[in-house]
């Protein structure tokens, strides 16, 4: 039996797990922080959005590398 297809697709799928976990941890920490001190919402929200953007940028960067290699 011969395996056909692109192994880099599997690599991208595995690489997408990291940013997914990171986004979950970022928003879990944000919700926990706001639940403990609601007045800190205005300070924590921009930091959480910046962290989300950076984590998603890693996933998009991996997707771009996948298309460059094919």
PDB file of N, CA and C in Angstrom:
ATOM      1  N   UNK A   1       0.845  -1.173   0.000  1.00  0.00           N
ATOM      2  CA  UNK A   1       0.000   0.000   0.000  1.00  0.00           C
ATOM      3  C   UNK A   1       0.890   1.236   0.000  1.00  0.00           C
ATOM      4  N   UNK A   2       0.653   2.114  -0.941  1.00  0.00           N
ATOM      5  CA  UNK A   2       1.440   3.329  -1.070  1.00  0.00           C
ATOM      6  C   UNK A   2       0.648   4.518  -0.538  1.00  0.00           C
ATOM      7  N   UNK A   3       1.336   5.340   0.223  1.00  0.00           N
ATOM      8  CA  UNK A   3       0.700   6.536   0.775  1.00  0.00           C
ATOM      9  C   UNK A   3       0.884   7.671  -0.222  1.00  0.00           C
ATOM     10  N   UNK A   4      -0.210   8.307  -0.589  1.00  0.00           N
ATOM     11  CA  UNK A   4      -0.141   9.442  -1.501  1.00  0.00           C
ATOM     12  C   UNK A   4      -0.624  10.691  -0.772  1.00  0.00           C
ATOM     13  N   UNK A   5      -0.203  11.829  -1.261  1.00  0.00           N
ATOM     14  CA  UNK A   5      -0.611  13.086  -0.654  1.00  0.00           C
ATOM     15  C   UNK A   5       0.589  13.839  -0.140  1.00  0.00           C
ATOM     16  N   UNK A   6       0.321  14.886   0.526  1.00  0.00           N
ATOM     17  CA  UNK A   6       1.382  15.762   1.005  1.00  0.00           C
ATOM     18  C   UNK A   6       1.572  15.582   2.512  1.00  0.00           C
ATOM     19  N   UNK A   7       2.782  15.282   2.900  1.00  0.00           N
ATOM     20  CA  UNK A   7       3.087  15.135   4.320  1.00  0.00           C
ATOM     21  C   UNK A   7       3.086  16.497   5.006  1.00  0.00           C
ATOM     22  N   UNK A   8       3.349  17.548   4.248  1.00  0.00           N
ATOM     23  CA  UNK A   8       3.348  18.878   4.851  1.00  0.00           C
ATOM     24  C   UNK A   8       1.950  19.272   5.315  1.00  0.00           C
ATOM     25  N   UNK A   9       0.921  18.699   4.717  1.00  0.00           N
ATOM     26  CA  UNK A   9      -0.441  18.959   5.177  1.00  0.00           C
ATOM     27  C   UNK A   9      -0.635  18.404   6.579  1.00  0.00           C
ATOM     28  N   UNK A  10      -0.104  17.239   6.831  1.00  0.00           N
ATOM     29  CA  UNK A  10      -0.169  16.663   8.174  1.00  0.00           C
ATOM     30  C   UNK A  10       0.636  17.525   9.142  1.00  0.00           C
ATOM     31  N   UNK A  11       1.784  18.005   8.682  1.00  0.00           N
ATOM     32  CA  UNK A  11       2.600  18.870   9.521  1.00  0.00           C
ATOM     33  C   UNK A  11       1.883  20.155   9.883  1.00  0.00           C
ATOM     34  N   UNK A  12       1.167  20.739   8.938  1.00  0.00           N
ATOM     35  CA  UNK A  12       0.426  21.957   9.247  1.00  0.00           C
ATOM     36  C   UNK A  12      -0.701  21.659  10.233  1.00  0.00           C
ATOM     37  N   UNK A  13      -1.352  20.547  10.060  1.00  0.00           N
ATOM     38  CA  UNK A  13      -2.412  20.170  10.997  1.00  0.00           C
ATOM     39  C   UNK A  13      -1.886  20.031  12.411  1.00  0.00           C
ATOM     40  N   UNK A  14      -0.723  19.424  12.543  1.00  0.00           N
ATOM     41  CA  UNK A  14      -0.115  19.298  13.868  1.00  0.00           C
ATOM     42  C   UNK A  14       0.364  20.640  14.389  1.00  0.00           C
ATOM     43  N   UNK A  15       0.855  21.495  13.503  1.00  0.00           N
ATOM     44  CA  UNK A  15       1.341  22.813  13.923  1.00  0.00           C
ATOM     45  C   UNK A  15       0.196  23.730  14.343  1.00  0.00           C
ATOM     46  N   UNK A  16      -1.001  23.479  13.878  1.00  0.00           N
ATOM     47  CA  UNK A  16      -2.147  24.316  14.242  1.00  0.00           C
ATOM     48  C   UNK A  16      -2.633  24.017  15.655  1.00  0.00           C
ATOM     49  N   UNK A  17      -2.194  22.909  16.226  1.00  0.00           N
ATOM     50  CA  UNK A  17      -2.611  22.568  17.589  1.00  0.00           C
ATOM     51  C   UNK A  17      -2.026  23.572  18.592  1.00  0.00           C
ATOM     52  N   UNK A  18      -0.777  23.981  18.371  1.00  0.00           N
ATOM     53  CA  UNK A  18      -0.124  24.923  19.294  1.00  0.00           C
ATOM     54  C   UNK A  18      -0.860  26.242  19.432  1.00  0.00           C
ATOM     55  N   UNK A  19      -1.139  26.941  18.320  1.00  0.00           N
ATOM     56  CA  UNK A  19      -1.891  28.197  18.456  1.00  0.00           C
ATOM     57  C   UNK A  19      -3.302  28.003  19.014  1.00  0.00           C
ATOM     58  N   UNK A  20      -3.920  26.864  18.736  1.00  0.00           N
ATOM     59  CA  UNK A  20      -5.262  26.622  19.287  1.00  0.00           C
ATOM     60  C   UNK A  20      -5.208  26.517  20.808  1.00  0.00           C
ATOM     61  N   UNK A  21      -4.218  25.815  21.308  1.00  0.00           N
ATOM     62  CA  UNK A  21      -4.052  25.705  22.758  1.00  0.00           C
ATOM     63  C   UNK A  21      -3.694  27.068  23.354  1.00  0.00           C
ATOM     64  N   UNK A  22      -2.853  27.821  22.658  1.00  0.00           N
ATOM     65  CA  UNK A  22      -2.454  29.145  23.143  1.00  0.00           C
ATOM     66  C   UNK A  22      -3.651  30.081  23.253  1.00  0.00           C
ATOM     67  N   UNK A  23      -4.524  30.072  22.263  1.00  0.00           N
ATOM     68  CA  UNK A  23      -5.710  30.939  22.308  1.00  0.00           C
ATOM     69  C   UNK A  23      -6.599  30.546  23.484  1.00  0.00           C
ATOM     70  N   UNK A  24      -6.763  29.257  23.703  1.00  0.00           N
ATOM     71  CA  UNK A  24      -7.556  28.804  24.844  1.00  0.00           C
ATOM     72  C   UNK A  24      -6.970  29.253  26.168  1.00  0.00           C
ATOM     73  N   UNK A  25      -5.655  29.138  26.312  1.00  0.00           N
ATOM     74  CA  UNK A  25      -5.006  29.565  27.554  1.00  0.00           C
ATOM     75  C   UNK A  25      -5.074  31.079  27.746  1.00  0.00           C
ATOM     76  N   UNK A  26      -4.939  31.826  26.652  1.00  0.00           N
ATOM     77  CA  UNK A  26      -4.995  33.289  26.742  1.00  0.00           C
ATOM     78  C   UNK A  26      -6.357  33.745  27.252  1.00  0.00           C
ATOM     79  N   UNK A  27      -7.424  33.220  26.658  1.00  0.00           N
ATOM     80  CA  UNK A  27      -8.751  33.671  27.067  1.00  0.00           C
ATOM     81  C   UNK A  27      -9.178  33.078  28.399  1.00  0.00           C
ATOM     82  N   UNK A  28      -8.646  31.906  28.762  1.00  0.00           N
ATOM     83  CA  UNK A  28      -8.920  31.375  30.097  1.00  0.00           C
ATOM     84  C   UNK A  28      -8.301  32.271  31.162  1.00  0.00           C
ATOM     85  N   UNK A  29      -7.074  32.736  30.907  1.00  0.00           N
ATOM     86  CA  UNK A  29      -6.424  33.638  31.854  1.00  0.00           C
ATOM     87  C   UNK A  29      -7.150  34.985  31.909  1.00  0.00           C
ATOM     88  N   UNK A  30      -7.624  35.446  30.759  1.00  0.00           N
ATOM     89  CA  UNK A  30      -8.355  36.723  30.722  1.00  0.00           C
ATOM     90  C   UNK A  30      -9.653  36.621  31.523  1.00  0.00           C
ATOM     91  N   UNK A  31     -10.401  35.572  31.309  1.00  0.00           N
ATOM     92  CA  UNK A  31     -11.670  35.396  32.029  1.00  0.00           C
ATOM     93  C   UNK A  31     -11.417  35.239  33.521  1.00  0.00           C
ATOM     94  N   UNK A  32     -10.377  34.501  33.869  1.00  0.00           N
ATOM     95  CA  UNK A  32     -10.033  34.322  35.273  1.00  0.00           C
ATOM     96  C   UNK A  32      -9.645  35.651  35.914  1.00  0.00           C
ATOM     97  N   UNK A  33      -8.866  36.452  35.207  1.00  0.00           N
ATOM     98  CA  UNK A  33      -8.462  37.742  35.747  1.00  0.00           C
ATOM     99  C   UNK A  33      -9.615  38.698  35.926  1.00  0.00           C
ATOM    100  N   UNK A  34     -10.526  38.727  34.970  1.00  0.00           N
ATOM    101  CA  UNK A  34     -11.688  39.621  35.066  1.00  0.00           C
ATOM    102  C   UNK A  34     -12.660  39.121  36.130  1.00  0.00           C
ATOM    103  N   UNK A  35     -12.748  37.810  36.293  1.00  0.00           N
ATOM    104  CA  UNK A  35     -13.636  37.274  37.326  1.00  0.00           C
ATOM    105  C   UNK A  35     -13.118  37.618  38.719  1.00  0.00           C
ATOM    106  N   UNK A  36     -11.792  37.647  38.873  1.00  0.00           N
ATOM    107  CA  UNK A  36     -11.232  37.982  40.185  1.00  0.00           C
ATOM    108  C   UNK A  36     -11.280  39.481  40.468  1.00  0.00           C
ATOM    109  N   UNK A  37     -10.993  40.294  39.452  1.00  0.00           N
ATOM    110  CA  UNK A  37     -11.016  41.751  39.626  1.00  0.00           C
ATOM    111  C   UNK A  37     -11.705  42.383  38.417  1.00  0.00           C
ATOM    112  N   UNK A  38     -13.009  42.580  38.491  1.00  0.00           N
ATOM    113  CA  UNK A  38     -13.749  43.127  37.343  1.00  0.00           C
ATOM    114  C   UNK A  38     -13.268  44.512  36.901  1.00  0.00           C
ATOM    115  N   UNK A  39     -12.707  45.291  37.824  1.00  0.00           N
ATOM    116  CA  UNK A  39     -12.252  46.635  37.448  1.00  0.00           C
ATOM    117  C   UNK A  39     -11.002  46.602  36.573  1.00  0.00           C
ATOM    118  N   UNK A  40     -10.349  45.459  36.467  1.00  0.00           N
ATOM    119  CA  UNK A  40      -9.146  45.362  35.629  1.00  0.00           C
ATOM    120  C   UNK A  40      -9.467  44.976  34.186  1.00  0.00           C
ATOM    121  N   UNK A  41     -10.742  44.945  33.837  1.00  0.00           N
ATOM    122  CA  UNK A  41     -11.147  44.541  32.483  1.00  0.00           C
ATOM    123  C   UNK A  41     -10.536  45.437  31.418  1.00  0.00           C
ATOM    124  N   UNK A  42     -10.521  46.728  31.656  1.00  0.00           N
ATOM    125  CA  UNK A  42     -10.013  47.664  30.645  1.00  0.00           C
ATOM    126  C   UNK A  42      -8.502  47.522  30.449  1.00  0.00           C
ATOM    127  N   UNK A  43      -7.798  47.010  31.438  1.00  0.00           N
ATOM    128  CA  UNK A  43      -6.358  46.791  31.320  1.00  0.00           C
ATOM    129  C   UNK A  43      -6.052  45.440  30.665  1.00  0.00           C
ATOM    130  N   UNK A  44      -6.840  44.420  30.994  1.00  0.00           N
ATOM    131  CA  UNK A  44      -6.564  43.067  30.517  1.00  0.00           C
ATOM    132  C   UNK A  44      -7.048  42.806  29.087  1.00  0.00           C
ATOM    133  N   UNK A  45      -8.097  43.482  28.670  1.00  0.00           N
ATOM    134  CA  UNK A  45      -8.666  43.204  27.351  1.00  0.00           C
ATOM    135  C   UNK A  45      -7.700  43.478  26.199  1.00  0.00           C
ATOM    136  N   UNK A  46      -7.001  44.616  26.151  1.00  0.00           N
ATOM    137  CA  UNK A  46      -6.055  44.817  25.041  1.00  0.00           C
ATOM    138  C   UNK A  46      -4.904  43.808  25.052  1.00  0.00           C
ATOM    139  N   UNK A  47      -4.476  43.400  26.231  1.00  0.00           N
ATOM    140  CA  UNK A  47      -3.401  42.410  26.321  1.00  0.00           C
ATOM    141  C   UNK A  47      -3.880  41.068  25.794  1.00  0.00           C
ATOM    142  N   UNK A  48      -5.117  40.694  26.116  1.00  0.00           N
ATOM    143  CA  UNK A  48      -5.671  39.431  25.631  1.00  0.00           C
ATOM    144  C   UNK A  48      -5.841  39.451  24.114  1.00  0.00           C
ATOM    145  N   UNK A  49      -6.281  40.562  23.572  1.00  0.00           N
ATOM    146  CA  UNK A  49      -6.461  40.665  22.119  1.00  0.00           C
ATOM    147  C   UNK A  49      -5.111  40.629  21.412  1.00  0.00           C
ATOM    148  N   UNK A  50      -4.091  41.266  21.978  1.00  0.00           N
ATOM    149  CA  UNK A  50      -2.753  41.214  21.403  1.00  0.00           C
ATOM    150  C   UNK A  50      -2.198  39.788  21.424  1.00  0.00           C
ATOM    151  N   UNK A  51      -2.392  39.090  22.523  1.00  0.00           N
ATOM    152  CA  UNK A  51      -1.964  37.695  22.606  1.00  0.00           C
ATOM    153  C   UNK A  51      -2.682  36.818  21.611  1.00  0.00           C
ATOM    154  N   UNK A  52      -3.981  37.046  21.442  1.00  0.00           N
ATOM    155  CA  UNK A  52      -4.756  36.295  20.454  1.00  0.00           C
ATOM    156  C   UNK A  52      -4.223  36.545  19.048  1.00  0.00           C
ATOM    157  N   UNK A  53      -3.929  37.798  18.731  1.00  0.00           N
ATOM    158  CA  UNK A  53      -3.432  38.138  17.398  1.00  0.00           C
ATOM    159  C   UNK A  53      -2.073  37.495  17.132  1.00  0.00           C
ATOM    160  N   UNK A  54      -1.202  37.489  18.129  1.00  0.00           N
ATOM    161  CA  UNK A  54       0.112  36.875  17.950  1.00  0.00           C
ATOM    162  C   UNK A  54       0.001  35.363  17.782  1.00  0.00           C
ATOM    163  N   UNK A  55      -0.871  34.722  18.553  1.00  0.00           N
ATOM    164  CA  UNK A  55      -1.037  33.272  18.434  1.00  0.00           C
ATOM    165  C   UNK A  55      -1.629  32.909  17.072  1.00  0.00           C
ATOM    166  N   UNK A  56      -2.583  33.675  16.605  1.00  0.00           N
ATOM    167  CA  UNK A  56      -3.177  33.396  15.303  1.00  0.00           C
ATOM    168  C   UNK A  56      -2.199  33.695  14.172  1.00  0.00           C
ATOM    169  N   UNK A  57      -1.315  34.668  14.376  1.00  0.00           N
ATOM    170  CA  UNK A  57      -0.316  34.964  13.352  1.00  0.00           C
ATOM    171  C   UNK A  57       0.607  33.767  13.139  1.00  0.00           C
ATOM    172  N   UNK A  58       0.904  33.036  14.198  1.00  0.00           N
ATOM    173  CA  UNK A  58       1.732  31.838  14.052  1.00  0.00           C
ATOM    174  C   UNK A  58       1.024  30.795  13.195  1.00  0.00           C
ATOM    175  N   UNK A  59      -0.278  30.617  13.392  1.00  0.00           N
ATOM    176  CA  UNK A  59      -1.027  29.652  12.591  1.00  0.00           C
ATOM    177  C   UNK A  59      -1.085  30.086  11.130  1.00  0.00           C
ATOM    178  N   UNK A  60      -1.290  31.369  10.888  1.00  0.00           N
ATOM    179  CA  UNK A  60      -1.342  31.869   9.508  1.00  0.00           C
ATOM    180  C   UNK A  60       0.026  31.754   8.850  1.00  0.00           C
ATOM    181  N   UNK A  61       1.086  32.013   9.611  1.00  0.00           N
ATOM    182  CA  UNK A  61       2.440  31.863   9.093  1.00  0.00           C
ATOM    183  C   UNK A  61       2.706  30.412   8.679  1.00  0.00           C
ATOM    184  N   UNK A  62       2.250  29.470   9.479  1.00  0.00           N
ATOM    185  CA  UNK A  62       2.389  28.057   9.126  1.00  0.00           C
ATOM    186  C   UNK A  62       1.608  27.710   7.876  1.00  0.00           C
ATOM    187  N   UNK A  63       0.425  28.280   7.717  1.00  0.00           N
ATOM    188  CA  UNK A  63      -0.371  28.034   6.515  1.00  0.00           C
ATOM    189  C   UNK A  63       0.317  28.593   5.277  1.00  0.00           C
ATOM    190  N   UNK A  64       0.909  29.760   5.396  1.00  0.00           N
ATOM    191  CA  UNK A  64       1.633  30.355   4.268  1.00  0.00           C
ATOM    192  C   UNK A  64       2.830  29.484   3.898  1.00  0.00           C
ATOM    193  N   UNK A  65       3.550  28.988   4.894  1.00  0.00           N
ATOM    194  CA  UNK A  65       4.686  28.106   4.607  1.00  0.00           C
ATOM    195  C   UNK A  65       4.243  26.817   3.930  1.00  0.00           C
ATOM    196  N   UNK A  66       3.071  26.331   4.289  1.00  0.00           N
ATOM    197  CA  UNK A  66       2.530  25.132   3.640  1.00  0.00           C
ATOM    198  C   UNK A  66       2.327  25.404   2.143  1.00  0.00           C
ATOM    199  N   UNK A  67       1.753  26.547   1.801  1.00  0.00           N
ATOM    200  CA  UNK A  67       1.497  26.836   0.392  1.00  0.00           C
ATOM    201  C   UNK A  67       2.795  27.158  -0.369  1.00  0.00           C
ATOM    202  N   UNK A  68       3.780  27.710   0.310  1.00  0.00           N
ATOM    203  CA  UNK A  68       5.059  27.978  -0.352  1.00  0.00           C
ATOM    204  C   UNK A  68       5.761  26.682  -0.706  1.00  0.00           C
ATOM    205  N   UNK A  69       5.673  25.684   0.181  1.00  0.00           N
ATOM    206  CA  UNK A  69       6.364  24.413  -0.046  1.00  0.00           C
ATOM    207  C   UNK A  69       5.679  23.553  -1.100  1.00  0.00           C
ATOM    208  N   UNK A  70       4.452  23.812  -1.432  1.00  0.00           N
ATOM    209  CA  UNK A  70       3.748  22.989  -2.435  1.00  0.00           C
ATOM    210  C   UNK A  70       3.882  23.545  -3.808  1.00  0.00           C
TER     211      UNK A  70
END
